[in-house]
Amino acid sequence: MVAEMGGVRHRFSICGADPDGPLAILLPPCGDALRAAACEAARRALGGHAAAAGAAALRPSALQRRRLVLLLRVHDAWVAGASIREIGLGIVYPWLSAAEASAWKASSERRRVQRLVAEARDLVAFDYRALLRA
């Protein structure tokens, strides 16, 4: 069941054999900040309180948003056929001048761009769209 309360979408799983029986709310263990915020938002919404306090913690921070945007731009360039060097000089390090191939190959910037490409591919393979829909 999906319920929207105060502009926040809550997903609930209703389990049980007796449809007329009493309901109980089971919240998962709060092992991280995201789960804790989701549990708090559900608790507040079901208690009739404003959900804004818990919902704000579910949004990515400005730094997280910038990193996710960078990763998606890197992935789009990779899928379009751009090389590691083109991604590095065009997206990640636009202020760097085009260095010689031997200097680029030995640079720490190149290794960072390679790690970003791998992380971006993992992000898309994990189906980040499901995170955006949640």
N, C-alpha and C. Protein backbone atom coordinates (compact mmCIF):
# COMPACT_ATOMS: atom_id res chain seq x y z
N MET A 1 0.85 -1.16 0.00
CA MET A 1 0.00 0.00 0.00
C MET A 1 0.90 1.24 0.00
N VAL A 2 0.57 2.19 -0.80
CA VAL A 2 1.29 3.46 -0.84
C VAL A 2 0.34 4.55 -0.35
N ALA A 3 0.80 5.30 0.63
CA ALA A 3 -0.01 6.39 1.17
C ALA A 3 0.80 7.67 1.11
N GLU A 4 0.19 8.72 0.58
CA GLU A 4 0.86 10.01 0.55
C GLU A 4 0.28 10.87 1.64
N MET A 5 1.17 11.30 2.54
CA MET A 5 0.76 12.12 3.67
C MET A 5 1.69 13.32 3.78
N GLY A 6 1.15 14.48 3.66
CA GLY A 6 1.96 15.68 3.80
C GLY A 6 3.03 15.83 2.73
N GLY A 7 2.74 15.35 1.54
CA GLY A 7 3.71 15.45 0.45
C GLY A 7 4.80 14.40 0.49
N VAL A 8 4.71 13.44 1.40
CA VAL A 8 5.70 12.37 1.51
C VAL A 8 5.01 11.04 1.22
N ARG A 9 5.63 10.24 0.36
CA ARG A 9 5.07 8.94 0.01
C ARG A 9 5.60 7.87 0.96
N HIS A 10 4.68 7.12 1.58
CA HIS A 10 5.06 6.03 2.49
C HIS A 10 4.59 4.72 1.87
N ARG A 11 5.46 3.71 1.87
CA ARG A 11 5.10 2.39 1.35
C ARG A 11 4.94 1.44 2.54
N PHE A 12 3.80 0.74 2.57
CA PHE A 12 3.51 -0.19 3.64
C PHE A 12 3.20 -1.55 3.04
N SER A 13 3.62 -2.59 3.72
CA SER A 13 3.29 -3.95 3.32
C SER A 13 2.30 -4.49 4.34
N ILE A 14 1.14 -4.89 3.88
CA ILE A 14 0.09 -5.39 4.76
C ILE A 14 0.08 -6.91 4.64
N CYS A 15 0.39 -7.57 5.74
CA CYS A 15 0.47 -9.03 5.76
C CYS A 15 -0.51 -9.57 6.80
N GLY A 16 -1.06 -10.71 6.53
CA GLY A 16 -1.94 -11.34 7.51
C GLY A 16 -3.02 -12.17 6.83
N ALA A 17 -3.51 -13.15 7.55
CA ALA A 17 -4.53 -14.04 7.01
C ALA A 17 -5.94 -13.52 7.22
N ASP A 18 -6.16 -12.79 8.30
CA ASP A 18 -7.50 -12.32 8.63
C ASP A 18 -7.66 -10.86 8.21
N PRO A 19 -8.44 -10.59 7.12
CA PRO A 19 -8.58 -9.21 6.67
C PRO A 19 -9.31 -8.32 7.67
N ASP A 20 -10.11 -8.91 8.57
CA ASP A 20 -10.84 -8.12 9.57
C ASP A 20 -10.11 -8.06 10.90
N GLY A 21 -8.95 -8.67 10.98
CA GLY A 21 -8.19 -8.72 12.24
C GLY A 21 -7.49 -7.40 12.52
N PRO A 22 -6.92 -7.28 13.70
CA PRO A 22 -6.21 -6.04 14.07
C PRO A 22 -4.91 -5.89 13.27
N LEU A 23 -4.50 -4.65 13.07
CA LEU A 23 -3.26 -4.36 12.34
C LEU A 23 -2.14 -4.04 13.32
N ALA A 24 -0.95 -4.40 12.93
CA ALA A 24 0.24 -4.04 13.71
C ALA A 24 1.25 -3.44 12.75
N ILE A 25 2.04 -2.53 13.23
CA ILE A 25 3.06 -1.89 12.41
C ILE A 25 4.41 -2.45 12.83
N LEU A 26 5.14 -3.02 11.88
CA LEU A 26 6.48 -3.53 12.13
C LEU A 26 7.45 -2.69 11.33
N LEU A 27 8.35 -2.04 12.02
CA LEU A 27 9.36 -1.22 11.35
C LEU A 27 10.68 -1.98 11.36
N PRO A 28 11.42 -1.91 10.25
CA PRO A 28 12.69 -2.65 10.19
C PRO A 28 13.71 -2.05 11.16
N PRO A 29 14.73 -2.86 11.51
CA PRO A 29 15.78 -2.31 12.37
C PRO A 29 16.45 -1.13 11.68
N CYS A 30 16.76 -0.12 12.43
CA CYS A 30 17.35 1.08 11.87
C CYS A 30 18.87 0.95 11.87
N GLY A 31 19.41 0.38 10.80
CA GLY A 31 20.85 0.16 10.71
C GLY A 31 21.60 1.34 10.12
N ASP A 32 20.90 2.26 9.48
CA ASP A 32 21.58 3.42 8.91
C ASP A 32 20.67 4.63 8.99
N ALA A 33 21.22 5.78 8.65
CA ALA A 33 20.48 7.03 8.79
C ALA A 33 19.27 7.09 7.87
N LEU A 34 19.37 6.52 6.66
CA LEU A 34 18.25 6.57 5.72
C LEU A 34 17.07 5.76 6.25
N ARG A 35 17.34 4.55 6.75
CA ARG A 35 16.25 3.74 7.30
C ARG A 35 15.66 4.39 8.55
N ALA A 36 16.53 4.95 9.37
CA ALA A 36 16.04 5.62 10.58
C ALA A 36 15.13 6.78 10.22
N ALA A 37 15.50 7.56 9.20
CA ALA A 37 14.67 8.69 8.78
C ALA A 37 13.35 8.21 8.19
N ALA A 38 13.38 7.12 7.43
CA ALA A 38 12.14 6.58 6.86
C ALA A 38 11.21 6.08 7.96
N CYS A 39 11.76 5.39 8.95
CA CYS A 39 10.95 4.91 10.07
C CYS A 39 10.36 6.07 10.86
N GLU A 40 11.17 7.09 11.09
CA GLU A 40 10.69 8.26 11.83
C GLU A 40 9.59 8.99 11.06
N ALA A 41 9.75 9.10 9.74
CA ALA A 41 8.73 9.76 8.92
C ALA A 41 7.43 8.97 8.96
N ALA A 42 7.50 7.65 8.89
CA ALA A 42 6.29 6.83 8.96
C ALA A 42 5.64 6.94 10.33
N ARG A 43 6.45 6.91 11.38
CA ARG A 43 5.91 7.02 12.74
C ARG A 43 5.20 8.35 12.94
N ARG A 44 5.83 9.43 12.47
CA ARG A 44 5.23 10.76 12.62
C ARG A 44 3.93 10.87 11.82
N ALA A 45 3.95 10.33 10.59
CA ALA A 45 2.76 10.43 9.73
C ALA A 45 1.59 9.65 10.33
N LEU A 46 1.86 8.45 10.82
CA LEU A 46 0.80 7.64 11.40
C LEU A 46 0.32 8.19 12.74
N GLY A 47 1.17 8.94 13.41
CA GLY A 47 0.79 9.55 14.68
C GLY A 47 0.08 10.88 14.50
N GLY A 48 -0.09 11.32 13.25
CA GLY A 48 -0.79 12.56 12.98
C GLY A 48 0.08 13.80 13.08
N HIS A 49 1.38 13.62 13.11
CA HIS A 49 2.30 14.76 13.19
C HIS A 49 2.78 15.15 11.79
N ALA A 50 3.37 16.32 11.69
CA ALA A 50 3.94 16.75 10.41
C ALA A 50 5.11 15.84 10.05
N ALA A 51 5.19 15.45 8.80
CA ALA A 51 6.22 14.51 8.36
C ALA A 51 7.49 15.21 7.91
N ALA A 52 7.52 16.53 7.91
CA ALA A 52 8.66 17.26 7.34
C ALA A 52 9.96 16.99 8.07
N ALA A 53 9.92 16.78 9.36
CA ALA A 53 11.17 16.58 10.11
C ALA A 53 11.89 15.32 9.65
N GLY A 54 11.18 14.22 9.45
CA GLY A 54 11.82 13.00 8.99
C GLY A 54 12.09 12.99 7.51
N ALA A 55 11.25 13.67 6.73
CA ALA A 55 11.38 13.63 5.28
C ALA A 55 12.61 14.39 4.79
N ALA A 56 13.02 15.42 5.50
CA ALA A 56 14.18 16.19 5.06
C ALA A 56 15.44 15.35 5.05
N ALA A 57 15.55 14.38 5.95
CA ALA A 57 16.74 13.54 6.00
C ALA A 57 16.80 12.56 4.83
N LEU A 58 15.67 12.34 4.15
CA LEU A 58 15.66 11.41 3.03
C LEU A 58 16.21 12.04 1.75
N ARG A 59 16.29 13.36 1.71
CA ARG A 59 16.78 14.04 0.50
C ARG A 59 18.30 14.07 0.51
N PRO A 60 18.92 13.89 -0.66
CA PRO A 60 20.38 13.98 -0.69
C PRO A 60 20.84 15.40 -0.41
N SER A 61 22.02 15.50 0.19
CA SER A 61 22.59 16.81 0.48
C SER A 61 23.04 17.47 -0.82
N ALA A 62 23.42 18.73 -0.75
CA ALA A 62 23.89 19.43 -1.95
C ALA A 62 25.13 18.74 -2.52
N LEU A 63 26.03 18.29 -1.67
CA LEU A 63 27.23 17.60 -2.13
C LEU A 63 26.88 16.28 -2.79
N GLN A 64 25.95 15.52 -2.20
CA GLN A 64 25.53 14.26 -2.80
C GLN A 64 24.85 14.49 -4.15
N ARG A 65 24.04 15.54 -4.25
CA ARG A 65 23.39 15.85 -5.54
C ARG A 65 24.41 16.19 -6.60
N ARG A 66 25.42 17.01 -6.25
CA ARG A 66 26.47 17.35 -7.23
C ARG A 66 27.22 16.10 -7.69
N ARG A 67 27.52 15.20 -6.75
CA ARG A 67 28.24 13.97 -7.12
C ARG A 67 27.38 13.09 -8.01
N LEU A 68 26.11 12.92 -7.68
CA LEU A 68 25.23 12.10 -8.52
C LEU A 68 25.08 12.69 -9.92
N VAL A 69 24.96 14.01 -10.01
CA VAL A 69 24.88 14.66 -11.33
C VAL A 69 26.16 14.43 -12.11
N LEU A 70 27.31 14.54 -11.44
CA LEU A 70 28.58 14.28 -12.11
C LEU A 70 28.65 12.85 -12.61
N LEU A 71 28.25 11.90 -11.78
CA LEU A 71 28.29 10.50 -12.19
C LEU A 71 27.38 10.24 -13.38
N LEU A 72 26.19 10.84 -13.39
CA LEU A 72 25.29 10.63 -14.52
C LEU A 72 25.83 11.28 -15.79
N ARG A 73 26.47 12.44 -15.67
CA ARG A 73 27.09 13.08 -16.84
C ARG A 73 28.24 12.22 -17.37
N VAL A 74 29.04 11.66 -16.46
CA VAL A 74 30.14 10.78 -16.86
C VAL A 74 29.59 9.55 -17.57
N HIS A 75 28.53 8.97 -17.03
CA HIS A 75 27.96 7.79 -17.66
C HIS A 75 27.38 8.11 -19.04
N ASP A 76 26.69 9.21 -19.16
CA ASP A 76 26.14 9.60 -20.46
C ASP A 76 27.25 9.77 -21.49
N ALA A 77 28.35 10.38 -21.09
CA ALA A 77 29.47 10.55 -22.02
C ALA A 77 30.09 9.21 -22.38
N TRP A 78 30.21 8.32 -21.41
CA TRP A 78 30.78 7.00 -21.65
C TRP A 78 29.92 6.21 -22.64
N VAL A 79 28.60 6.25 -22.43
CA VAL A 79 27.68 5.54 -23.33
C VAL A 79 27.72 6.13 -24.73
N ALA A 80 27.93 7.45 -24.82
CA ALA A 80 28.00 8.11 -26.13
C ALA A 80 29.31 7.82 -26.85
N GLY A 81 30.25 7.15 -26.17
CA GLY A 81 31.48 6.77 -26.84
C GLY A 81 32.68 7.64 -26.53
N ALA A 82 32.59 8.52 -25.57
CA ALA A 82 33.72 9.37 -25.22
C ALA A 82 34.81 8.54 -24.54
N SER A 83 36.04 8.92 -24.77
CA SER A 83 37.17 8.23 -24.14
C SER A 83 37.35 8.74 -22.71
N ILE A 84 38.17 8.03 -21.96
CA ILE A 84 38.48 8.45 -20.59
C ILE A 84 39.08 9.86 -20.60
N ARG A 85 39.95 10.11 -21.55
CA ARG A 85 40.60 11.43 -21.64
C ARG A 85 39.58 12.52 -21.97
N GLU A 86 38.66 12.23 -22.90
CA GLU A 86 37.62 13.21 -23.26
C GLU A 86 36.70 13.50 -22.07
N ILE A 87 36.36 12.47 -21.33
CA ILE A 87 35.52 12.66 -20.14
C ILE A 87 36.28 13.48 -19.11
N GLY A 88 37.54 13.14 -18.90
CA GLY A 88 38.34 13.84 -17.91
C GLY A 88 38.50 15.31 -18.23
N LEU A 89 38.87 15.63 -19.47
CA LEU A 89 39.13 17.02 -19.84
C LEU A 89 37.85 17.81 -20.13
N GLY A 90 36.78 17.10 -20.49
CA GLY A 90 35.55 17.80 -20.82
C GLY A 90 34.57 17.95 -19.68
N ILE A 91 34.55 16.98 -18.74
CA ILE A 91 33.53 16.99 -17.69
C ILE A 91 34.15 17.14 -16.30
N VAL A 92 35.11 16.30 -15.99
CA VAL A 92 35.64 16.26 -14.62
C VAL A 92 36.65 17.37 -14.37
N TYR A 93 37.55 17.58 -15.30
CA TYR A 93 38.60 18.60 -15.16
C TYR A 93 38.58 19.54 -16.36
N PRO A 94 37.54 20.34 -16.54
CA PRO A 94 37.47 21.20 -17.73
C PRO A 94 38.53 22.31 -17.73
N TRP A 95 39.10 22.63 -16.57
CA TRP A 95 40.11 23.69 -16.49
C TRP A 95 41.50 23.21 -16.88
N LEU A 96 41.71 21.88 -17.02
CA LEU A 96 43.02 21.38 -17.43
C LEU A 96 43.19 21.56 -18.93
N SER A 97 44.38 21.91 -19.30
CA SER A 97 44.67 22.00 -20.74
C SER A 97 44.97 20.59 -21.25
N ALA A 98 44.81 20.39 -22.51
CA ALA A 98 45.06 19.08 -23.11
C ALA A 98 46.56 18.76 -23.01
N ALA A 99 46.89 17.87 -22.12
CA ALA A 99 48.29 17.48 -21.91
C ALA A 99 48.69 16.44 -22.95
N GLU A 100 49.97 16.19 -23.02
CA GLU A 100 50.46 15.15 -23.92
C GLU A 100 49.92 13.81 -23.45
N ALA A 101 49.84 12.88 -24.37
CA ALA A 101 49.27 11.57 -24.06
C ALA A 101 50.05 10.87 -22.96
N SER A 102 51.37 10.97 -23.00
CA SER A 102 52.17 10.28 -21.98
C SER A 102 51.95 10.90 -20.60
N ALA A 103 51.79 12.21 -20.53
CA ALA A 103 51.54 12.88 -19.24
C ALA A 103 50.15 12.51 -18.72
N TRP A 104 49.16 12.46 -19.59
CA TRP A 104 47.80 12.09 -19.18
C TRP A 104 47.77 10.65 -18.68
N LYS A 105 48.47 9.75 -19.39
CA LYS A 105 48.43 8.34 -19.04
C LYS A 105 48.99 8.09 -17.64
N ALA A 106 49.95 8.89 -17.20
CA ALA A 106 50.58 8.71 -15.90
C ALA A 106 49.95 9.58 -14.82
N SER A 107 48.91 10.30 -15.11
CA SER A 107 48.36 11.27 -14.15
C SER A 107 47.37 10.63 -13.18
N SER A 108 47.28 11.23 -12.00
CA SER A 108 46.30 10.79 -11.01
C SER A 108 44.89 11.18 -11.45
N GLU A 109 44.79 12.25 -12.26
CA GLU A 109 43.48 12.66 -12.77
C GLU A 109 42.86 11.56 -13.64
N ARG A 110 43.69 10.92 -14.45
CA ARG A 110 43.20 9.84 -15.31
C ARG A 110 42.67 8.68 -14.46
N ARG A 111 43.41 8.33 -13.42
CA ARG A 111 42.96 7.24 -12.56
C ARG A 111 41.66 7.60 -11.85
N ARG A 112 41.50 8.85 -11.46
CA ARG A 112 40.25 9.27 -10.82
C ARG A 112 39.09 9.17 -11.81
N VAL A 113 39.31 9.59 -13.05
CA VAL A 113 38.25 9.50 -14.06
C VAL A 113 37.88 8.04 -14.30
N GLN A 114 38.86 7.16 -14.31
CA GLN A 114 38.57 5.73 -14.48
C GLN A 114 37.70 5.22 -13.33
N ARG A 115 38.01 5.65 -12.11
CA ARG A 115 37.18 5.24 -10.96
C ARG A 115 35.77 5.82 -11.06
N LEU A 116 35.65 7.06 -11.53
CA LEU A 116 34.33 7.67 -11.69
C LEU A 116 33.50 6.93 -12.74
N VAL A 117 34.13 6.54 -13.84
CA VAL A 117 33.42 5.78 -14.88
C VAL A 117 32.93 4.46 -14.31
N ALA A 118 33.77 3.77 -13.55
CA ALA A 118 33.36 2.50 -12.95
C ALA A 118 32.22 2.70 -11.96
N GLU A 119 32.31 3.75 -11.16
CA GLU A 119 31.25 4.03 -10.19
C GLU A 119 29.95 4.41 -10.89
N ALA A 120 30.05 5.18 -11.97
CA ALA A 120 28.85 5.58 -12.72
C ALA A 120 28.19 4.36 -13.36
N ARG A 121 28.99 3.47 -13.89
CA ARG A 121 28.42 2.25 -14.49
C ARG A 121 27.73 1.39 -13.44
N ASP A 122 28.33 1.30 -12.25
CA ASP A 122 27.70 0.55 -11.15
C ASP A 122 26.40 1.21 -10.71
N LEU A 123 26.38 2.53 -10.66
CA LEU A 123 25.18 3.26 -10.27
C LEU A 123 24.03 2.95 -11.23
N VAL A 124 24.31 2.98 -12.51
CA VAL A 124 23.27 2.72 -13.50
C VAL A 124 22.88 1.24 -13.50
N ALA A 125 23.86 0.35 -13.32
CA ALA A 125 23.56 -1.08 -13.29
C ALA A 125 22.69 -1.44 -12.08
N PHE A 126 22.84 -0.69 -10.99
CA PHE A 126 22.05 -0.93 -9.78
C PHE A 126 20.62 -0.45 -9.97
N ASP A 127 20.33 0.23 -11.03
CA ASP A 127 19.01 0.77 -11.33
C ASP A 127 18.68 1.94 -10.41
N TYR A 128 19.42 3.02 -10.61
CA TYR A 128 19.22 4.23 -9.81
C TYR A 128 17.82 4.79 -9.98
N ARG A 129 17.15 4.47 -11.07
CA ARG A 129 15.79 5.01 -11.26
C ARG A 129 14.83 4.50 -10.18
N ALA A 130 15.08 3.28 -9.69
CA ALA A 130 14.25 2.76 -8.61
C ALA A 130 14.42 3.61 -7.36
N LEU A 131 15.62 4.11 -7.12
CA LEU A 131 15.85 4.99 -5.98
C LEU A 131 15.07 6.30 -6.16
N LEU A 132 15.02 6.81 -7.37
CA LEU A 132 14.32 8.07 -7.62
C LEU A 132 12.81 7.91 -7.48
N ARG A 133 12.30 6.72 -7.81
CA ARG A 133 10.86 6.47 -7.69
C ARG A 133 10.43 6.23 -6.25
N ALA A 134 11.35 5.79 -5.40
CA ALA A 134 11.00 5.37 -4.02
C ALA A 134 10.55 6.53 -3.17
